[in-house]
Every structure is written in C-alpha cells, then in structure tokens.
C-alpha cells in the first residue's frame, strides 16, 4: 500500500500550524523590540512599541499570504 503524503491531513495540519507559530513569533519579536527601544529611550509614550507591533502584524500577514500562495 502506498500512502499519498501530498494530501495527508497530518501534513496539512503541520504546515498551517507551523505557519501560525511563525506569524506569532514575528509579532512577539516586533512587540518585544519596540518595548525594549521605548525602555532604552525612556519616552513617556510607547511609540516604538506601537509602531513596531503594527509593522510586525503587517509583516506577519504578508509572510502568511506569501506562504499560503507559494507555488511548488
């Protein structure tokens, strides 16, 4: 018996769960980087936390869309 690994439900689940994890890591890295910059600069308003978090969310969405529509 030969299994078709291309259509395996486990492979499908692994692909998209790893994509979600990578997107979460991108967003957390942006938020953490912004928080560290704000603490280092000691500004009253968390400008870098907001900006880098928003940029990280946009980057994660772009990354996710590219990975979903990537042709093999």
N, C-alpha and C. Protein backbone atom coordinates (compact mmCIF):
# COMPACT_ATOMS: atom_id res chain seq x y z
N UNK A 1 0.83 -1.18 0.00
CA UNK A 1 0.00 0.00 0.00
C UNK A 1 0.88 1.25 0.00
N UNK A 2 0.57 2.17 -0.87
CA UNK A 2 1.34 3.40 -0.96
C UNK A 2 0.48 4.56 -0.47
N UNK A 3 1.02 5.31 0.50
CA UNK A 3 0.29 6.47 1.00
C UNK A 3 0.64 7.68 0.16
N UNK A 4 -0.33 8.54 -0.01
CA UNK A 4 -0.10 9.78 -0.73
C UNK A 4 0.21 10.85 0.31
N UNK A 5 1.48 11.13 0.54
CA UNK A 5 1.89 12.09 1.57
C UNK A 5 1.54 13.53 1.19
N UNK A 6 1.32 13.78 -0.09
CA UNK A 6 1.00 15.13 -0.52
C UNK A 6 -0.35 15.59 0.03
N UNK A 7 -1.30 14.68 0.17
CA UNK A 7 -2.64 15.02 0.63
C UNK A 7 -2.90 14.59 2.07
N UNK A 8 -1.87 14.25 2.79
CA UNK A 8 -2.02 13.77 4.16
C UNK A 8 -2.60 14.87 5.06
N UNK A 9 -3.64 14.55 5.84
CA UNK A 9 -4.21 15.56 6.75
C UNK A 9 -3.19 16.02 7.80
N UNK A 10 -2.32 15.12 8.22
CA UNK A 10 -1.31 15.50 9.20
C UNK A 10 -0.32 16.50 8.62
N UNK A 11 0.05 16.32 7.36
CA UNK A 11 0.96 17.25 6.71
C UNK A 11 0.29 18.61 6.54
N UNK A 12 -0.98 18.61 6.19
CA UNK A 12 -1.75 19.85 6.06
C UNK A 12 -1.80 20.59 7.40
N UNK A 13 -2.09 19.86 8.47
CA UNK A 13 -2.15 20.45 9.81
C UNK A 13 -0.78 20.99 10.23
N UNK A 14 0.27 20.24 9.97
CA UNK A 14 1.62 20.66 10.35
C UNK A 14 2.04 21.93 9.60
N UNK A 15 1.68 22.00 8.33
CA UNK A 15 2.05 23.16 7.52
C UNK A 15 1.43 24.44 8.07
N UNK A 16 0.14 24.40 8.34
CA UNK A 16 -0.54 25.61 8.76
C UNK A 16 -0.34 25.94 10.24
N UNK A 17 -0.11 24.94 11.06
CA UNK A 17 0.19 25.25 12.46
C UNK A 17 1.59 25.84 12.59
N UNK A 18 2.54 25.39 11.78
CA UNK A 18 3.88 25.99 11.82
C UNK A 18 3.84 27.40 11.25
N UNK A 19 3.01 27.64 10.25
CA UNK A 19 2.85 28.98 9.71
C UNK A 19 2.28 29.92 10.77
N UNK A 20 1.28 29.46 11.51
CA UNK A 20 0.69 30.28 12.57
C UNK A 20 1.71 30.58 13.66
N UNK A 21 2.51 29.59 14.02
CA UNK A 21 3.54 29.79 15.04
C UNK A 21 4.58 30.80 14.57
N UNK A 22 4.98 30.73 13.32
CA UNK A 22 5.95 31.68 12.78
C UNK A 22 5.38 33.10 12.78
N UNK A 23 4.10 33.24 12.46
CA UNK A 23 3.48 34.55 12.47
C UNK A 23 3.42 35.12 13.88
N UNK A 24 3.11 34.28 14.86
CA UNK A 24 3.08 34.73 16.26
C UNK A 24 4.47 35.17 16.70
N UNK A 25 5.49 34.43 16.32
CA UNK A 25 6.87 34.79 16.70
C UNK A 25 7.26 36.13 16.09
N UNK A 26 6.87 36.40 14.84
CA UNK A 26 7.16 37.68 14.21
C UNK A 26 6.51 38.82 14.99
N UNK A 27 5.26 38.64 15.38
CA UNK A 27 4.54 39.69 16.11
C UNK A 27 5.15 39.90 17.50
N UNK A 28 5.47 38.83 18.19
CA UNK A 28 6.08 38.95 19.52
C UNK A 28 7.44 39.63 19.43
N UNK A 29 8.22 39.29 18.41
CA UNK A 29 9.54 39.92 18.23
C UNK A 29 9.39 41.42 18.01
N UNK A 30 8.42 41.83 17.21
CA UNK A 30 8.19 43.25 16.99
C UNK A 30 7.76 43.98 18.25
N UNK A 31 6.86 43.37 19.00
CA UNK A 31 6.40 43.99 20.25
C UNK A 31 7.53 44.07 21.27
N UNK A 32 8.30 43.00 21.39
CA UNK A 32 9.41 43.00 22.34
C UNK A 32 10.49 44.01 21.95
N UNK A 33 10.80 44.07 20.65
CA UNK A 33 11.79 45.04 20.19
C UNK A 33 11.34 46.47 20.44
N UNK A 34 10.07 46.75 20.19
CA UNK A 34 9.55 48.09 20.45
C UNK A 34 9.55 48.43 21.93
N UNK A 35 9.21 47.46 22.76
CA UNK A 35 9.22 47.68 24.21
C UNK A 35 10.63 47.99 24.70
N UNK A 36 11.60 47.23 24.21
CA UNK A 36 12.99 47.46 24.61
C UNK A 36 13.49 48.83 24.15
N UNK A 37 13.13 49.23 22.93
CA UNK A 37 13.53 50.56 22.45
C UNK A 37 12.89 51.66 23.29
N UNK A 38 11.62 51.50 23.63
CA UNK A 38 10.95 52.50 24.46
C UNK A 38 11.58 52.60 25.85
N UNK A 39 11.94 51.46 26.42
CA UNK A 39 12.59 51.50 27.73
C UNK A 39 13.98 52.13 27.64
N UNK A 40 14.69 51.86 26.56
CA UNK A 40 16.03 52.39 26.40
C UNK A 40 16.00 53.91 26.19
N UNK A 41 15.03 54.40 25.39
CA UNK A 41 14.93 55.82 25.12
C UNK A 41 14.18 56.58 26.22
N UNK A 42 13.42 55.89 27.04
CA UNK A 42 12.68 56.45 28.17
C UNK A 42 11.75 57.59 27.76
N UNK A 43 10.98 57.34 26.70
CA UNK A 43 9.97 58.30 26.30
C UNK A 43 8.71 58.05 27.12
N UNK A 44 7.89 59.06 27.26
CA UNK A 44 6.67 58.93 28.04
C UNK A 44 5.60 58.10 27.36
N UNK A 45 5.58 58.11 26.04
CA UNK A 45 4.57 57.38 25.27
C UNK A 45 5.25 56.24 24.51
N UNK A 46 4.68 55.04 24.52
CA UNK A 46 5.34 53.88 23.89
C UNK A 46 5.23 53.88 22.35
N UNK A 47 5.90 54.82 21.72
CA UNK A 47 5.83 54.99 20.27
C UNK A 47 6.35 53.76 19.54
N UNK A 48 7.54 53.31 19.92
CA UNK A 48 8.16 52.20 19.20
C UNK A 48 7.41 50.89 19.43
N UNK A 49 6.84 50.72 20.60
CA UNK A 49 6.05 49.51 20.85
C UNK A 49 4.86 49.46 19.90
N UNK A 50 4.16 50.56 19.77
CA UNK A 50 3.01 50.61 18.87
C UNK A 50 3.41 50.44 17.41
N UNK A 51 4.41 51.21 16.99
CA UNK A 51 4.82 51.19 15.58
C UNK A 51 5.38 49.83 15.19
N UNK A 52 6.29 49.29 15.99
CA UNK A 52 6.90 48.01 15.63
C UNK A 52 5.91 46.85 15.74
N UNK A 53 4.96 46.94 16.66
CA UNK A 53 3.94 45.89 16.74
C UNK A 53 3.04 45.92 15.50
N UNK A 54 2.64 47.10 15.09
CA UNK A 54 1.81 47.21 13.88
C UNK A 54 2.58 46.75 12.65
N UNK A 55 3.84 47.16 12.54
CA UNK A 55 4.66 46.71 11.40
C UNK A 55 4.87 45.20 11.43
N UNK A 56 5.02 44.63 12.62
CA UNK A 56 5.19 43.18 12.73
C UNK A 56 3.92 42.44 12.33
N UNK A 57 2.76 42.98 12.68
CA UNK A 57 1.50 42.36 12.28
C UNK A 57 1.37 42.39 10.75
N UNK A 58 1.68 43.52 10.15
CA UNK A 58 1.62 43.63 8.69
C UNK A 58 2.62 42.66 8.05
N UNK A 59 3.84 42.61 8.59
CA UNK A 59 4.85 41.69 8.05
C UNK A 59 4.41 40.23 8.19
N UNK A 60 3.79 39.90 9.32
CA UNK A 60 3.32 38.52 9.52
C UNK A 60 2.20 38.17 8.55
N UNK A 61 1.31 39.11 8.28
CA UNK A 61 0.23 38.86 7.32
C UNK A 61 0.80 38.67 5.92
N UNK A 62 1.73 39.53 5.53
CA UNK A 62 2.36 39.40 4.21
C UNK A 62 3.09 38.06 4.11
N UNK A 63 3.82 37.70 5.15
CA UNK A 63 4.53 36.43 5.16
C UNK A 63 3.55 35.26 5.04
N UNK A 64 2.47 35.32 5.79
CA UNK A 64 1.48 34.25 5.76
C UNK A 64 0.83 34.10 4.40
N UNK A 65 0.46 35.21 3.79
CA UNK A 65 -0.18 35.17 2.47
C UNK A 65 0.79 34.61 1.43
N UNK A 66 2.05 35.03 1.50
CA UNK A 66 3.04 34.51 0.55
C UNK A 66 3.24 33.01 0.72
N UNK A 67 3.27 32.54 1.96
CA UNK A 67 3.46 31.12 2.20
C UNK A 67 2.25 30.30 1.75
N UNK A 68 1.06 30.84 1.94
CA UNK A 68 -0.15 30.12 1.54
C UNK A 68 -0.23 29.99 0.02
N UNK A 69 0.13 31.05 -0.69
CA UNK A 69 0.00 31.03 -2.14
C UNK A 69 1.29 30.66 -2.86
N UNK A 70 2.29 30.20 -2.12
CA UNK A 70 3.55 29.81 -2.74
C UNK A 70 3.34 28.60 -3.65
N UNK A 71 3.88 28.69 -4.83
CA UNK A 71 3.79 27.59 -5.79
C UNK A 71 4.99 26.68 -5.63
N UNK A 72 4.76 25.39 -5.70
CA UNK A 72 5.88 24.45 -5.61
C UNK A 72 6.25 23.96 -6.97
